[in-house]
Amino acid sequence: MKKTVLLFVTIVCFLSISGCFAKKQTTETEVEHQQLLWHNKREKPFGTFDYPKITEKEATDLLENKFKVNSPKLMSQVKVLLKEEVATEGMQTGEPEYTMYATGDELKIRAYFPLNEGEELRVFALVDLKYTYNKEQQEVRLNAQSFSMTTYGEKVTYPKDNFDELLAKSAAMIDLSEEKTKRAIKNFKTDYQEIDKRPIAAKAVIYSNDKEAVEKKKVSQELLGGFDSNKELKEIYATIVDYTE
């Protein structure tokens, strides 16, 4: 009788552990692009604040110490992209400028990164972040991240004339696979090879899984190209939105 009871208890414990492990494995498998996401416990909203035109140091201090949120890698990645993949000899990165405001359950940040040629602005990048607070779940999350980069002035092409490479680098920053990136860029170039098919002063989708991400509660990734008034490519947009539960 004792042996039977012991065997039963052993089986139940084994099944319980296996079930927990399977549940953990399933959860981890379902959440793709985990490194892009940030959730944390929070007990109260952000309040109402407005910080226009602040320095990088001031912005970092506010994020870490006042609002207690995590700054994503996207910020540093954009600075590296400008310096290493965009700038040519003689060009200098200017001082970043930040704007930050909070309205209760939302905190929004915009960072402006200029790249100068002499005293003239040549290229600039923008990074936008949105954090949201959920009262019911007592949670804060980095809900959306976006990055845009465009040339400025009369010169439409980028200093190194490497638009395709910059698209691929931007796709990697939102964790888009190399295979998907190559296919998306190839299809985009084919679709808009003829100037007559290009939009005027508008964006065109290179890759997007946004509809699927909303339906399946996944991470949305979008990569877009922007045309100017002469139908020339000059802008890059990359976006991440967290629809996970």
C-alpha atoms as a PDB file:
ATOM      1  CA  MET A   1       0.000   0.000   0.000  1.00  0.00           C
ATOM      2  CA  LYS A   2       2.832   2.395   0.902  1.00  0.00           C
ATOM      3  CA  LYS A   3       4.646   1.578  -2.363  1.00  0.00           C
ATOM      4  CA  THR A   4       1.461   2.325  -4.343  1.00  0.00           C
ATOM      5  CA  VAL A   5       0.934   5.689  -2.646  1.00  0.00           C
ATOM      6  CA  LEU A   6       4.598   6.628  -3.147  1.00  0.00           C
ATOM      7  CA  LEU A   7       4.419   5.695  -6.827  1.00  0.00           C
ATOM      8  CA  PHE A   8       1.239   7.778  -7.267  1.00  0.00           C
ATOM      9  CA  VAL A   9       2.800  10.836  -5.577  1.00  0.00           C
ATOM     10  CA  THR A  10       5.934  10.496  -7.718  1.00  0.00           C
ATOM     11  CA  ILE A  11       3.873  10.376 -10.937  1.00  0.00           C
ATOM     12  CA  VAL A  12       1.787  13.418  -9.914  1.00  0.00           C
ATOM     13  CA  CYS A  13       4.931  15.421  -9.075  1.00  0.00           C
ATOM     14  CA  PHE A  14       6.547  14.447 -12.349  1.00  0.00           C
ATOM     15  CA  LEU A  15       3.471  15.443 -14.344  1.00  0.00           C
ATOM     16  CA  SER A  16       3.238  18.761 -12.477  1.00  0.00           C
ATOM     17  CA  ILE A  17       6.867  19.617 -13.167  1.00  0.00           C
ATOM     18  CA  SER A  18       6.559  18.563 -16.812  1.00  0.00           C
ATOM     19  CA  GLY A  19       3.424  20.652 -17.195  1.00  0.00           C
ATOM     20  CA  CYS A  20       5.082  23.741 -15.722  1.00  0.00           C
ATOM     21  CA  PHE A  21       8.141  23.256 -17.893  1.00  0.00           C
ATOM     22  CA  ALA A  22       6.017  22.810 -21.021  1.00  0.00           C
ATOM     23  CA  LYS A  23       4.031  25.926 -20.179  1.00  0.00           C
ATOM     24  CA  LYS A  24       7.228  27.912 -19.711  1.00  0.00           C
ATOM     25  CA  GLN A  25       8.667  26.633 -22.977  1.00  0.00           C
ATOM     26  CA  THR A  26       5.455  27.484 -24.850  1.00  0.00           C
ATOM     27  CA  THR A  27       5.366  30.987 -23.431  1.00  0.00           C
ATOM     28  CA  GLU A  28       8.973  31.662 -24.346  1.00  0.00           C
ATOM     29  CA  THR A  29       8.467  30.288 -27.841  1.00  0.00           C
ATOM     30  CA  GLU A  30       5.408  32.445 -28.479  1.00  0.00           C
ATOM     31  CA  VAL A  31       7.124  35.731 -27.575  1.00  0.00           C
ATOM     32  CA  GLU A  32       9.327  36.576 -30.534  1.00  0.00           C
ATOM     33  CA  HIS A  33      11.821  39.425 -30.569  1.00  0.00           C
ATOM     34  CA  GLN A  34      12.003  39.395 -26.785  1.00  0.00           C
ATOM     35  CA  GLN A  35      15.074  41.655 -26.814  1.00  0.00           C
ATOM     36  CA  LEU A  36      12.970  44.464 -28.329  1.00  0.00           C
ATOM     37  CA  LEU A  37      10.414  44.408 -25.524  1.00  0.00           C
ATOM     38  CA  TRP A  38      10.392  45.965 -22.078  1.00  0.00           C
ATOM     39  CA  HIS A  39       7.698  45.497 -19.397  1.00  0.00           C
ATOM     40  CA  ASN A  40       7.955  46.305 -15.708  1.00  0.00           C
ATOM     41  CA  LYS A  41       5.793  46.674 -12.612  1.00  0.00           C
ATOM     42  CA  ARG A  42       4.505  50.165 -11.859  1.00  0.00           C
ATOM     43  CA  GLU A  43       2.046  51.401  -9.256  1.00  0.00           C
ATOM     44  CA  LYS A  44       1.053  54.842 -10.563  1.00  0.00           C
ATOM     45  CA  PRO A  45       0.744  56.898 -13.793  1.00  0.00           C
ATOM     46  CA  PHE A  46       3.482  59.202 -15.089  1.00  0.00           C
ATOM     47  CA  GLY A  47       1.745  62.442 -14.177  1.00  0.00           C
ATOM     48  CA  THR A  48       1.727  65.543 -16.367  1.00  0.00           C
ATOM     49  CA  PHE A  49       5.089  66.967 -17.436  1.00  0.00           C
ATOM     50  CA  ASP A  50       6.576  68.742 -20.438  1.00  0.00           C
ATOM     51  CA  TYR A  51      10.308  68.955 -21.143  1.00  0.00           C
ATOM     52  CA  PRO A  52      11.012  70.662 -24.480  1.00  0.00           C
ATOM     53  CA  LYS A  53      14.541  70.850 -25.899  1.00  0.00           C
ATOM     54  CA  ILE A  54      16.570  69.089 -23.227  1.00  0.00           C
ATOM     55  CA  THR A  55      20.047  67.584 -23.485  1.00  0.00           C
ATOM     56  CA  GLU A  56      20.853  63.888 -23.738  1.00  0.00           C
ATOM     57  CA  LYS A  57      22.165  63.889 -20.181  1.00  0.00           C
ATOM     58  CA  GLU A  58      18.979  65.526 -18.869  1.00  0.00           C
ATOM     59  CA  ALA A  59      16.810  63.086 -20.819  1.00  0.00           C
ATOM     60  CA  THR A  60      18.737  60.076 -19.521  1.00  0.00           C
ATOM     61  CA  ASP A  61      18.446  61.318 -15.944  1.00  0.00           C
ATOM     62  CA  LEU A  62      14.680  61.823 -16.282  1.00  0.00           C
ATOM     63  CA  LEU A  63      14.125  58.394 -17.822  1.00  0.00           C
ATOM     64  CA  GLU A  64      16.188  56.556 -15.221  1.00  0.00           C
ATOM     65  CA  ASN A  65      15.483  58.489 -12.038  1.00  0.00           C
ATOM     66  CA  LYS A  66      12.167  60.293 -12.431  1.00  0.00           C
ATOM     67  CA  PHE A  67      10.098  58.027 -14.674  1.00  0.00           C
ATOM     68  CA  LYS A  68      12.125  54.850 -13.978  1.00  0.00           C
ATOM     69  CA  VAL A  69      11.843  53.373 -17.458  1.00  0.00           C
ATOM     70  CA  ASN A  70      14.371  51.552 -19.575  1.00  0.00           C
ATOM     71  CA  SER A  71      15.900  53.239 -22.629  1.00  0.00           C
ATOM     72  CA  PRO A  72      16.069  50.793 -25.582  1.00  0.00           C
ATOM     73  CA  LYS A  73      19.130  49.996 -27.695  1.00  0.00           C
ATOM     74  CA  LEU A  74      17.555  51.832 -30.609  1.00  0.00           C
ATOM     75  CA  MET A  75      18.901  55.150 -29.311  1.00  0.00           C
ATOM     76  CA  SER A  76      22.539  54.086 -29.334  1.00  0.00           C
ATOM     77  CA  GLN A  77      22.112  52.095 -32.551  1.00  0.00           C
ATOM     78  CA  VAL A  78      20.930  55.174 -34.424  1.00  0.00           C
ATOM     79  CA  LYS A  79      23.920  57.194 -33.255  1.00  0.00           C
ATOM     80  CA  VAL A  80      26.282  54.439 -34.399  1.00  0.00           C
ATOM     81  CA  LEU A  81      24.464  54.175 -37.736  1.00  0.00           C
ATOM     82  CA  LEU A  82      24.905  57.893 -38.423  1.00  0.00           C
ATOM     83  CA  LYS A  83      28.554  57.910 -37.431  1.00  0.00           C
ATOM     84  CA  GLU A  84      29.716  54.675 -39.072  1.00  0.00           C
ATOM     85  CA  GLU A  85      27.373  54.061 -42.007  1.00  0.00           C
ATOM     86  CA  VAL A  86      26.248  57.544 -43.072  1.00  0.00           C
ATOM     87  CA  ALA A  87      28.970  60.068 -42.292  1.00  0.00           C
ATOM     88  CA  THR A  88      31.921  60.576 -44.622  1.00  0.00           C
ATOM     89  CA  GLU A  89      35.261  62.199 -43.822  1.00  0.00           C
ATOM     90  CA  GLY A  90      34.843  65.767 -42.676  1.00  0.00           C
ATOM     91  CA  MET A  91      31.277  65.311 -41.422  1.00  0.00           C
ATOM     92  CA  GLN A  92      30.413  65.687 -37.740  1.00  0.00           C
ATOM     93  CA  THR A  93      27.501  64.580 -35.589  1.00  0.00           C
ATOM     94  CA  GLY A  94      25.825  67.492 -33.822  1.00  0.00           C
ATOM     95  CA  GLU A  95      24.524  67.633 -30.273  1.00  0.00           C
ATOM     96  CA  PRO A  96      21.386  65.479 -29.826  1.00  0.00           C
ATOM     97  CA  GLU A  97      18.226  67.250 -28.702  1.00  0.00           C
ATOM     98  CA  TYR A  98      15.413  65.611 -26.762  1.00  0.00           C
ATOM     99  CA  THR A  99      11.756  66.403 -26.179  1.00  0.00           C
ATOM    100  CA  MET A 100       9.784  64.572 -23.499  1.00  0.00           C
ATOM    101  CA  TYR A 101       6.255  64.862 -22.195  1.00  0.00           C
ATOM    102  CA  ALA A 102       3.953  62.838 -20.002  1.00  0.00           C
ATOM    103  CA  THR A 103       0.167  62.819 -19.901  1.00  0.00           C
ATOM    104  CA  GLY A 104      -1.023  60.449 -17.201  1.00  0.00           C
ATOM    105  CA  ASP A 105      -0.812  56.954 -18.662  1.00  0.00           C
ATOM    106  CA  GLU A 106       1.560  57.868 -21.506  1.00  0.00           C
ATOM    107  CA  LEU A 107       5.157  59.010 -21.693  1.00  0.00           C
ATOM    108  CA  LYS A 108       6.556  60.075 -25.068  1.00  0.00           C
ATOM    109  CA  ILE A 109      10.148  60.886 -25.996  1.00  0.00           C
ATOM    110  CA  ARG A 110      11.618  62.207 -29.229  1.00  0.00           C
ATOM    111  CA  ALA A 111      15.360  62.357 -29.870  1.00  0.00           C
ATOM    112  CA  TYR A 112      16.851  64.399 -32.709  1.00  0.00           C
ATOM    113  CA  PHE A 113      20.293  63.438 -34.044  1.00  0.00           C
ATOM    114  CA  PRO A 114      21.868  65.794 -36.617  1.00  0.00           C
ATOM    115  CA  LEU A 115      24.765  65.060 -38.968  1.00  0.00           C
ATOM    116  CA  ASN A 116      26.509  68.133 -40.319  1.00  0.00           C
ATOM    117  CA  GLU A 117      28.750  68.827 -43.281  1.00  0.00           C
ATOM    118  CA  GLY A 118      30.693  71.905 -42.290  1.00  0.00           C
ATOM    119  CA  GLU A 119      28.122  74.270 -40.852  1.00  0.00           C
ATOM    120  CA  GLU A 120      25.254  72.816 -42.879  1.00  0.00           C
ATOM    121  CA  LEU A 121      22.838  70.091 -41.819  1.00  0.00           C
ATOM    122  CA  ARG A 122      23.225  67.117 -44.186  1.00  0.00           C
ATOM    123  CA  VAL A 123      21.285  64.240 -42.614  1.00  0.00           C
ATOM    124  CA  PHE A 124      19.156  63.923 -39.497  1.00  0.00           C
ATOM    125  CA  ALA A 125      17.535  61.073 -37.623  1.00  0.00           C
ATOM    126  CA  LEU A 126      14.597  60.979 -35.228  1.00  0.00           C
ATOM    127  CA  VAL A 127      13.815  58.352 -32.619  1.00  0.00           C
ATOM    128  CA  ASP A 128      10.351  58.260 -31.031  1.00  0.00           C
ATOM    129  CA  LEU A 129       9.467  56.177 -27.972  1.00  0.00           C
ATOM    130  CA  LYS A 130       6.110  55.661 -26.294  1.00  0.00           C
ATOM    131  CA  TYR A 131       5.666  54.104 -22.863  1.00  0.00           C
ATOM    132  CA  THR A 132       2.207  53.185 -21.577  1.00  0.00           C
ATOM    133  CA  TYR A 133       0.944  52.505 -18.059  1.00  0.00           C
ATOM    134  CA  ASN A 134      -1.771  49.907 -17.440  1.00  0.00           C
ATOM    135  CA  LYS A 135      -3.600  50.524 -14.160  1.00  0.00           C
ATOM    136  CA  GLU A 136      -5.370  47.147 -14.069  1.00  0.00           C
ATOM    137  CA  GLN A 137      -2.181  45.173 -14.603  1.00  0.00           C
ATOM    138  CA  GLN A 138      -0.031  47.617 -12.599  1.00  0.00           C
ATOM    139  CA  GLU A 139       2.448  47.527 -15.445  1.00  0.00           C
ATOM    140  CA  VAL A 140       4.450  49.873 -17.656  1.00  0.00           C
ATOM    141  CA  ARG A 141       5.714  48.852 -21.067  1.00  0.00           C
ATOM    142  CA  LEU A 142       7.675  50.270 -23.961  1.00  0.00           C
ATOM    143  CA  ASN A 143       4.715  50.223 -26.323  1.00  0.00           C
ATOM    144  CA  ALA A 144       6.215  51.657 -29.521  1.00  0.00           C
ATOM    145  CA  GLN A 145       9.614  52.549 -30.948  1.00  0.00           C
ATOM    146  CA  SER A 146      10.236  54.243 -34.277  1.00  0.00           C
ATOM    147  CA  PHE A 147      13.214  55.556 -36.158  1.00  0.00           C
ATOM    148  CA  SER A 148      13.383  57.787 -39.220  1.00  0.00           C
ATOM    149  CA  MET A 149      16.301  59.193 -41.175  1.00  0.00           C
ATOM    150  CA  THR A 150      16.354  61.636 -44.056  1.00  0.00           C
ATOM    151  CA  THR A 151      18.759  63.739 -46.058  1.00  0.00           C
ATOM    152  CA  TYR A 152      18.462  67.502 -45.817  1.00  0.00           C
ATOM    153  CA  GLY A 153      19.005  70.227 -48.380  1.00  0.00           C
ATOM    154  CA  GLU A 154      19.494  69.987 -52.119  1.00  0.00           C
ATOM    155  CA  LYS A 155      21.426  66.692 -52.062  1.00  0.00           C
ATOM    156  CA  VAL A 156      18.914  63.853 -52.055  1.00  0.00           C
ATOM    157  CA  THR A 157      21.363  60.941 -51.986  1.00  0.00           C
ATOM    158  CA  TYR A 158      23.076  59.879 -48.777  1.00  0.00           C
ATOM    159  CA  PRO A 159      26.775  60.837 -48.399  1.00  0.00           C
ATOM    160  CA  LYS A 160      27.971  57.288 -49.172  1.00  0.00           C
ATOM    161  CA  ASP A 161      25.206  56.637 -51.732  1.00  0.00           C
ATOM    162  CA  ASN A 162      24.315  53.427 -49.867  1.00  0.00           C
ATOM    163  CA  PHE A 163      20.529  53.566 -49.472  1.00  0.00           C
ATOM    164  CA  ASP A 164      20.049  49.771 -49.785  1.00  0.00           C
ATOM    165  CA  GLU A 165      22.693  49.108 -47.141  1.00  0.00           C
ATOM    166  CA  LEU A 166      21.073  51.616 -44.805  1.00  0.00           C
ATOM    167  CA  LEU A 167      17.712  49.919 -45.326  1.00  0.00           C
ATOM    168  CA  ALA A 168      19.267  46.566 -44.403  1.00  0.00           C
ATOM    169  CA  LYS A 169      20.921  48.047 -41.298  1.00  0.00           C
ATOM    170  CA  SER A 170      17.621  49.628 -40.253  1.00  0.00           C
ATOM    171  CA  ALA A 171      15.818  46.308 -40.744  1.00  0.00           C
ATOM    172  CA  ALA A 172      18.350  44.581 -38.482  1.00  0.00           C
ATOM    173  CA  MET A 173      17.700  47.195 -35.786  1.00  0.00           C
ATOM    174  CA  ILE A 174      14.055  46.064 -35.611  1.00  0.00           C
ATOM    175  CA  ASP A 175      15.146  42.414 -35.643  1.00  0.00           C
ATOM    176  CA  LEU A 176      13.938  41.641 -39.165  1.00  0.00           C
ATOM    177  CA  SER A 177      15.669  38.516 -40.461  1.00  0.00           C
ATOM    178  CA  GLU A 178      18.241  38.795 -43.222  1.00  0.00           C
ATOM    179  CA  GLU A 179      16.142  36.580 -45.497  1.00  0.00           C
ATOM    180  CA  LYS A 180      13.012  38.701 -45.088  1.00  0.00           C
ATOM    181  CA  THR A 181      15.033  41.883 -45.473  1.00  0.00           C
ATOM    182  CA  LYS A 182      16.657  40.844 -48.747  1.00  0.00           C
ATOM    183  CA  ARG A 183      13.344  39.687 -50.203  1.00  0.00           C
ATOM    184  CA  ALA A 184      11.506  42.827 -49.082  1.00  0.00           C
ATOM    185  CA  ILE A 185      14.132  45.216 -50.489  1.00  0.00           C
ATOM    186  CA  LYS A 186      14.298  43.311 -53.766  1.00  0.00           C
ATOM    187  CA  ASN A 187      10.493  43.443 -54.177  1.00  0.00           C
ATOM    188  CA  PHE A 188      10.422  47.117 -53.231  1.00  0.00           C
ATOM    189  CA  LYS A 189      13.043  48.027 -55.834  1.00  0.00           C
ATOM    190  CA  THR A 190      11.169  46.048 -58.475  1.00  0.00           C
ATOM    191  CA  ASP A 191       7.824  47.652 -57.643  1.00  0.00           C
ATOM    192  CA  TYR A 192       9.187  51.197 -57.741  1.00  0.00           C
ATOM    193  CA  GLN A 193      11.882  50.874 -60.384  1.00  0.00           C
ATOM    194  CA  GLU A 194       9.821  52.958 -62.782  1.00  0.00           C
ATOM    195  CA  ILE A 195       9.556  56.589 -61.699  1.00  0.00           C
ATOM    196  CA  ASP A 196       5.912  56.807 -62.836  1.00  0.00           C
ATOM    197  CA  LYS A 197       4.959  54.204 -60.221  1.00  0.00           C
ATOM    198  CA  ARG A 198       6.530  56.117 -57.358  1.00  0.00           C
ATOM    199  CA  PRO A 199       4.390  58.255 -55.024  1.00  0.00           C
ATOM    200  CA  ILE A 200       5.043  61.960 -54.639  1.00  0.00           C
ATOM    201  CA  ALA A 201       6.188  63.073 -51.170  1.00  0.00           C
ATOM    202  CA  ALA A 202       4.850  59.904 -49.543  1.00  0.00           C
ATOM    203  CA  LYS A 203       5.925  56.697 -47.821  1.00  0.00           C
ATOM    204  CA  ALA A 204       5.835  53.235 -49.365  1.00  0.00           C
ATOM    205  CA  VAL A 205       5.878  49.947 -47.444  1.00  0.00           C
ATOM    206  CA  ILE A 206       8.958  47.780 -47.823  1.00  0.00           C
ATOM    207  CA  TYR A 207       7.959  45.282 -45.126  1.00  0.00           C
ATOM    208  CA  SER A 208       5.089  45.149 -42.643  1.00  0.00           C
ATOM    209  CA  ASN A 209       3.514  42.450 -40.496  1.00  0.00           C
ATOM    210  CA  ASP A 210       1.352  44.928 -38.582  1.00  0.00           C
ATOM    211  CA  LYS A 211      -2.022  43.393 -39.469  1.00  0.00           C
ATOM    212  CA  GLU A 212      -0.883  39.914 -38.453  1.00  0.00           C
ATOM    213  CA  ALA A 213       0.745  41.281 -35.285  1.00  0.00           C
ATOM    214  CA  VAL A 214      -2.502  42.947 -34.183  1.00  0.00           C
ATOM    215  CA  GLU A 215      -4.544  39.794 -34.821  1.00  0.00           C
ATOM    216  CA  LYS A 216      -2.084  37.406 -33.169  1.00  0.00           C
ATOM    217  CA  LYS A 217      -0.897  39.787 -30.437  1.00  0.00           C
ATOM    218  CA  LYS A 218       2.714  39.737 -31.594  1.00  0.00           C
ATOM    219  CA  VAL A 219       5.432  42.315 -32.214  1.00  0.00           C
ATOM    220  CA  SER A 220       4.799  44.498 -35.241  1.00  0.00           C
ATOM    221  CA  GLN A 221       7.764  45.348 -37.468  1.00  0.00           C
ATOM    222  CA  GLU A 222       7.576  47.864 -40.283  1.00  0.00           C
ATOM    223  CA  LEU A 223      10.155  49.191 -42.725  1.00  0.00           C
ATOM    224  CA  LEU A 224       9.225  51.984 -45.134  1.00  0.00           C
ATOM    225  CA  GLY A 225      10.905  54.138 -47.758  1.00  0.00           C
ATOM    226  CA  GLY A 226      10.024  57.797 -48.261  1.00  0.00           C
ATOM    227  CA  PHE A 227       9.961  59.630 -51.599  1.00  0.00           C
ATOM    228  CA  ASP A 228      10.387  63.371 -51.980  1.00  0.00           C
ATOM    229  CA  SER A 229       8.450  65.777 -54.232  1.00  0.00           C
ATOM    230  CA  ASN A 230      10.591  64.651 -57.192  1.00  0.00           C
ATOM    231  CA  LYS A 231       9.878  60.966 -56.505  1.00  0.00           C
ATOM    232  CA  GLU A 232      13.425  60.357 -55.294  1.00  0.00           C
ATOM    233  CA  LEU A 233      14.103  58.068 -52.321  1.00  0.00           C
ATOM    234  CA  LYS A 234      15.495  59.976 -49.362  1.00  0.00           C
ATOM    235  CA  GLU A 235      13.782  58.736 -46.192  1.00  0.00           C
ATOM    236  CA  ILE A 236      13.930  55.550 -44.132  1.00  0.00           C
ATOM    237  CA  TYR A 237      11.367  54.589 -41.498  1.00  0.00           C
ATOM    238  CA  ALA A 238      11.534  51.634 -39.111  1.00  0.00           C
ATOM    239  CA  THR A 239       8.901  50.894 -36.453  1.00  0.00           C
ATOM    240  CA  ILE A 240       8.297  48.394 -33.673  1.00  0.00           C
ATOM    241  CA  VAL A 241       4.962  48.098 -31.836  1.00  0.00           C
ATOM    242  CA  ASP A 242       4.373  45.726 -28.909  1.00  0.00           C
ATOM    243  CA  TYR A 243       0.960  44.054 -29.190  1.00  0.00           C
ATOM    244  CA  THR A 244       1.844  41.139 -26.904  1.00  0.00           C
ATOM    245  CA  GLU A 245      -0.218  40.366 -23.815  1.00  0.00           C
END
